[in-house]
Protein backbone atom coordinates (compact mmCIF):
# COMPACT_ATOMS: atom_id res chain seq x y z
CA UNK A 1 5.80 -47.23 -28.99
CA UNK A 2 8.51 -47.56 -31.67
CA UNK A 3 10.94 -50.37 -30.55
CA UNK A 4 14.10 -48.50 -31.24
CA UNK A 5 16.45 -47.10 -28.56
CA UNK A 6 19.32 -44.76 -28.40
CA UNK A 7 22.61 -46.31 -29.61
CA UNK A 8 20.79 -49.12 -31.48
CA UNK A 9 22.30 -50.39 -34.81
CA UNK A 10 19.58 -50.02 -37.39
CA UNK A 11 19.27 -51.54 -40.91
CA UNK A 12 16.69 -49.54 -42.78
CA UNK A 13 14.66 -51.15 -45.52
CA UNK A 14 16.15 -49.77 -48.76
CA UNK A 15 12.93 -48.08 -50.05
CA UNK A 16 12.52 -46.35 -46.75
CA UNK A 17 16.14 -45.19 -46.67
CA UNK A 18 15.62 -43.51 -50.00
CA UNK A 19 12.41 -41.91 -48.88
CA UNK A 20 14.03 -40.18 -45.80
CA UNK A 21 16.86 -38.45 -47.84
CA UNK A 22 18.51 -41.27 -49.53
CA UNK A 23 20.54 -41.89 -46.31
CA UNK A 24 22.70 -45.04 -46.09
CA UNK A 25 20.56 -47.88 -44.86
CA UNK A 26 23.01 -48.98 -42.12
CA UNK A 27 22.64 -46.32 -39.42
CA UNK A 28 22.91 -45.55 -35.60
CA UNK A 29 19.99 -44.20 -33.62
CA UNK A 30 21.54 -41.23 -31.80
CA UNK A 31 18.28 -39.89 -30.29
CA UNK A 32 14.62 -40.74 -29.75
CA UNK A 33 12.04 -38.19 -29.15
CA UNK A 34 8.90 -37.49 -31.08
CA UNK A 35 10.64 -39.20 -33.94
CA UNK A 36 13.63 -41.65 -34.30
CA UNK A 37 16.76 -39.76 -35.23
CA UNK A 38 19.29 -41.81 -37.22
CA UNK A 39 22.89 -40.99 -38.24
CA UNK A 40 25.15 -42.33 -40.96
CA UNK A 41 28.66 -42.21 -39.11
CA UNK A 42 30.37 -42.37 -42.52
CA UNK A 43 28.99 -39.09 -43.73
CA UNK A 44 27.22 -37.47 -40.70
CA UNK A 45 23.91 -37.44 -42.73
CA UNK A 46 20.96 -37.60 -40.47
CA UNK A 47 17.35 -38.74 -41.00
CA UNK A 48 14.28 -38.43 -38.83
CA UNK A 49 11.61 -41.08 -38.88
CA UNK A 50 8.21 -40.15 -37.48
CA UNK A 51 5.91 -42.74 -35.76
CA UNK A 52 3.47 -42.82 -38.74
CA UNK A 53 6.31 -43.30 -41.28
CA UNK A 54 7.84 -45.97 -39.05
CA UNK A 55 4.67 -48.05 -38.75
CA UNK A 56 4.18 -47.95 -42.56
CA UNK A 57 7.52 -49.72 -42.91
CA UNK A 58 8.37 -51.14 -39.50
CA UNK A 59 11.83 -52.56 -38.68
CA UNK A 60 13.60 -53.89 -35.71
CA UNK A 61 17.21 -53.01 -34.58
CA UNK A 62 20.13 -55.13 -35.63
CA UNK A 63 21.73 -54.89 -32.29
CA UNK A 64 21.47 -52.93 -29.03
CA UNK A 65 23.80 -51.68 -26.34
CA UNK A 66 24.10 -55.16 -24.76
CA UNK A 67 26.06 -56.30 -27.88
CA UNK A 68 28.62 -53.40 -27.89
CA UNK A 69 32.28 -54.35 -27.93
CA UNK A 70 35.05 -52.30 -26.30
CA UNK A 71 37.77 -51.06 -28.72
CA UNK A 72 40.92 -48.96 -28.06
CA UNK A 73 41.71 -46.02 -30.32
CA UNK A 74 45.16 -46.53 -31.83
CA UNK A 75 45.01 -43.46 -34.00
CA UNK A 76 42.46 -40.93 -35.11
CA UNK A 77 42.53 -38.13 -37.70
CA UNK A 78 39.69 -35.57 -38.11
CA UNK A 79 38.51 -35.24 -41.66
CA UNK A 80 36.89 -31.83 -41.27
CA UNK A 81 33.13 -31.99 -41.75
CA UNK A 82 31.24 -31.16 -38.64
CA UNK A 83 27.55 -31.32 -37.95
CA UNK A 84 26.59 -30.09 -34.40
CA UNK A 85 28.43 -32.11 -31.82
CA UNK A 86 29.52 -34.66 -34.51
CA UNK A 87 32.90 -34.44 -36.14
CA UNK A 88 33.81 -36.77 -38.90
CA UNK A 89 37.08 -38.58 -38.42
CA UNK A 90 39.07 -41.65 -39.59
CA UNK A 91 39.98 -44.00 -36.78
CA UNK A 92 42.20 -47.05 -36.30
CA UNK A 93 40.95 -49.20 -33.50
CA UNK A 94 41.63 -52.58 -31.96
CA UNK A 95 39.49 -54.74 -29.77
CA UNK A 96 40.40 -54.33 -26.11
CA UNK A 97 40.33 -58.08 -25.73
CA UNK A 98 42.84 -58.59 -28.53
CA UNK A 99 45.64 -56.32 -27.05
CA UNK A 100 48.61 -58.42 -26.10
CA UNK A 101 47.20 -61.37 -28.14
CA UNK A 102 47.32 -60.24 -31.83
CA UNK A 103 47.88 -57.01 -33.68
CA UNK A 104 44.60 -56.99 -35.63
CA UNK A 105 43.29 -53.47 -36.10
CA UNK A 106 40.35 -51.90 -38.05
CA UNK A 107 40.03 -48.72 -39.98
CA UNK A 108 36.59 -47.02 -39.77
CA UNK A 109 34.95 -43.59 -40.04
CA UNK A 110 33.26 -42.15 -36.96
CA UNK A 111 31.23 -39.26 -35.85
CA UNK A 112 33.22 -39.03 -32.61
CA UNK A 113 36.15 -37.15 -33.83
CA UNK A 114 35.60 -34.32 -31.48
CA UNK A 115 35.86 -36.41 -28.30
CA UNK A 116 38.08 -39.37 -29.14
CA UNK A 117 41.92 -39.37 -28.81
CA UNK A 118 44.56 -42.04 -29.21
CA UNK A 119 44.38 -44.36 -26.18
CA UNK A 120 40.84 -43.82 -25.43
CA UNK A 121 38.31 -46.67 -24.98
CA UNK A 122 35.30 -46.58 -27.19
CA UNK A 123 32.23 -48.88 -27.45
CA UNK A 124 31.16 -50.09 -30.91
CA UNK A 125 29.60 -52.85 -32.93
CA UNK A 126 31.88 -55.38 -34.39
CA UNK A 127 30.33 -56.27 -37.72
CA UNK A 128 33.00 -58.32 -39.29
CA UNK A 129 31.97 -61.91 -39.62
CA UNK A 130 28.76 -61.16 -37.69
CA UNK A 131 25.59 -62.96 -38.91
CA UNK A 132 22.18 -61.11 -38.57
CA UNK A 133 18.91 -62.82 -39.05
CA UNK A 134 17.53 -59.61 -40.55
CA UNK A 135 15.94 -59.17 -44.03
CA UNK A 136 16.82 -55.52 -44.19
CA UNK A 137 20.52 -56.30 -43.53
CA UNK A 138 20.40 -59.22 -46.06
CA UNK A 139 19.16 -56.71 -48.61
CA UNK A 140 22.01 -54.28 -47.79
CA UNK A 141 24.58 -57.09 -48.25
CA UNK A 142 23.00 -58.00 -51.59
CA UNK A 143 22.94 -54.52 -52.89
CA UNK A 144 25.64 -53.40 -55.37
CA UNK A 145 25.40 -49.80 -53.91
CA UNK A 146 25.77 -50.52 -50.25
CA UNK A 147 27.34 -53.92 -49.73
CA UNK A 148 30.94 -52.58 -50.17
CA UNK A 149 30.13 -49.73 -47.58
CA UNK A 150 29.41 -52.02 -44.74
CA UNK A 151 32.24 -51.33 -42.15
CA UNK A 152 34.06 -53.83 -40.05
CA UNK A 153 33.40 -51.78 -36.95
CA UNK A 154 30.88 -49.06 -36.29
CA UNK A 155 31.80 -46.92 -33.24
CA UNK A 156 28.93 -45.73 -31.04
CA UNK A 157 30.19 -43.79 -27.92
CA UNK A 158 33.27 -43.07 -25.90
CA UNK A 159 33.77 -45.38 -22.98
CA UNK A 160 34.52 -43.78 -19.59
CA UNK A 161 35.92 -45.48 -16.48
CA UNK A 162 33.26 -46.79 -14.33
CA UNK A 163 32.38 -44.65 -11.25
CA UNK A 164 33.33 -46.27 -7.97
CA UNK A 165 30.43 -47.32 -5.68
CA UNK A 166 31.70 -44.90 -2.97
CA UNK A 167 31.93 -41.95 -5.46
CA UNK A 168 28.99 -39.49 -5.24
CA UNK A 169 27.51 -37.34 -8.01
CA UNK A 170 26.95 -33.65 -7.40
CA UNK A 171 23.48 -34.08 -8.87
CA UNK A 172 20.39 -36.20 -8.47
CA UNK A 173 17.12 -37.13 -10.16
CA UNK A 174 13.73 -36.79 -8.77
CA UNK A 175 10.84 -39.16 -9.62
CA UNK A 176 7.21 -39.67 -8.38
CA UNK A 177 6.94 -41.84 -5.32
CA UNK A 178 5.75 -45.36 -6.16
CA UNK A 179 2.80 -47.18 -4.74
CA UNK A 180 3.64 -50.07 -2.46
CA UNK A 181 2.18 -52.53 -5.04
CA UNK A 182 4.56 -51.31 -7.67
CA UNK A 183 7.74 -52.13 -5.61
CA UNK A 184 9.75 -54.95 -7.19
CA UNK A 185 9.81 -57.94 -4.76
CA UNK A 186 12.66 -59.88 -6.25
CA UNK A 187 16.41 -59.04 -5.72
CA UNK A 188 17.27 -59.71 -9.35
CA UNK A 189 14.51 -57.33 -10.48
CA UNK A 190 15.72 -54.73 -8.18
CA UNK A 191 19.44 -55.16 -9.29
CA UNK A 192 18.32 -54.91 -13.00
CA UNK A 193 16.41 -51.75 -12.13
CA UNK A 194 19.48 -50.21 -10.43
CA UNK A 195 21.62 -51.21 -13.37
CA UNK A 196 19.28 -49.65 -15.93
CA UNK A 197 19.10 -46.38 -13.76
CA UNK A 198 22.96 -46.32 -13.63
CA UNK A 199 23.17 -46.60 -17.35
CA UNK A 200 20.53 -43.80 -17.83
CA UNK A 201 22.47 -41.56 -15.44
CA UNK A 202 25.72 -42.21 -17.40
CA UNK A 203 23.87 -41.23 -20.53
CA UNK A 204 22.80 -37.96 -18.90
CA UNK A 205 26.34 -37.15 -18.03
CA UNK A 206 27.67 -37.97 -21.52
CA UNK A 207 24.92 -36.47 -23.73
CA UNK A 208 23.99 -32.86 -23.66
CA UNK A 209 20.90 -33.45 -25.82
CA UNK A 210 19.35 -35.83 -23.28
CA UNK A 211 20.10 -33.61 -20.36
CA UNK A 212 17.99 -30.82 -22.04
CA UNK A 213 14.94 -32.99 -21.63
CA UNK A 214 15.35 -33.96 -18.01
CA UNK A 215 15.36 -31.87 -14.83
CA UNK A 216 18.50 -32.38 -12.68
CA UNK A 217 18.84 -31.21 -9.13
CA UNK A 218 21.77 -30.17 -7.11
CA UNK A 219 23.01 -32.48 -4.48
CA UNK A 220 24.85 -29.72 -2.48
CA UNK A 221 25.44 -31.77 0.73
CA UNK A 222 26.74 -34.72 -1.20
CA UNK A 223 29.06 -32.53 -3.24
CA UNK A 224 30.44 -30.83 -0.24
CA UNK A 225 31.12 -34.18 1.48
CA UNK A 226 32.89 -35.36 -1.72
CA UNK A 227 35.02 -32.20 -1.89
CA UNK A 228 35.93 -32.56 1.81
CA UNK A 229 36.96 -36.22 1.26
CA UNK A 230 39.07 -35.34 -1.65
CA UNK A 231 40.77 -32.57 0.29
CA UNK A 232 41.79 -34.87 3.01
CA UNK A 233 43.16 -37.31 0.51
CA UNK A 234 45.19 -34.58 -1.23
CA UNK A 235 46.64 -33.35 2.10
CA UNK A 236 47.69 -36.94 2.97
CA UNK A 237 49.32 -37.50 -0.33
CA UNK A 238 47.80 -40.93 -0.70
CA UNK A 239 44.85 -42.58 -2.26
CA UNK A 240 43.74 -43.09 -5.81
CA UNK A 241 43.30 -40.24 -8.22
CA UNK A 242 39.79 -39.23 -9.28
CA UNK A 243 38.41 -41.22 -12.20
CA UNK A 244 38.08 -39.31 -15.38
CA UNK A 245 34.65 -38.90 -16.76
CA UNK A 246 32.01 -36.33 -17.87
CA UNK A 247 30.88 -33.89 -15.21
CA UNK A 248 27.60 -31.94 -15.36
CA UNK A 249 28.14 -28.16 -14.86
CA UNK A 250 26.50 -26.74 -11.81
CA UNK A 251 24.68 -24.07 -13.83
CA UNK A 252 22.76 -26.93 -15.48
CA UNK A 253 21.36 -28.06 -12.13
CA UNK A 254 18.23 -26.90 -10.38
CA UNK A 255 18.04 -26.24 -6.63
CA UNK A 256 16.54 -29.05 -4.69
CA UNK A 257 12.93 -28.96 -3.48
CA UNK A 258 10.76 -31.22 -1.33
CA UNK A 259 7.33 -31.25 -2.99
CA UNK A 260 4.85 -33.58 -4.75
CA UNK A 261 5.84 -36.67 -2.85
CA UNK A 262 8.86 -37.18 -4.95
CA UNK A 263 11.72 -39.68 -4.25
CA UNK A 264 15.37 -39.28 -4.88
CA UNK A 265 16.90 -41.44 -7.58
CA UNK A 266 20.51 -41.92 -6.67
């Protein structure tokens, strides 16, 4: 398997970057399927790297989602070019941890112009002053053509408020039932598995492309219970408002079924 995941920050070997359309060597992985799909957020140029091509010039990610930093959008201005769901924009952002401490902001181009607005939270890689032990990135820094194009910040995805534990989704996943020997015995392993599943489910809610490859099922009873609870809160005039976040349209969900010994993934 190619060791590159969605939302990874990738530094391509310069020779490979030229071979796949002369794309900028500093890219984001926006999708992984039969090939690795890379994006240059500065231009919206994309490149597909198939498995055979990858293994002729293998590389590892510079950073992954665990190293993302939260930023706040101070201002954003669409620049016009659009490619599918990506819209090129110029954004001014500040680290969420810097608010109230200093007034440092960063200007960067982003592919998220269609969904970001002033005041939104967004996750990105903070590259300013970061040291990478990576030969491909060292080559980019040493290059006359690409060194000046390395941004201080590379935005990756919009950050939505976390879903409360007592909030239920109107959909669910199905997966094959596990054998008893496959069950994770340790609590820390189970917690990590639950955390990874939650991150995957958030990706499904936020990314139309990923949803097209996964079967999602209606959780009608759960959705009805949620609607009833919200109705009671509205009538009482108290309680917190619903958290904002992406919602999967009901027409994209399949009716539930009970076959093949499948378990719910909630």
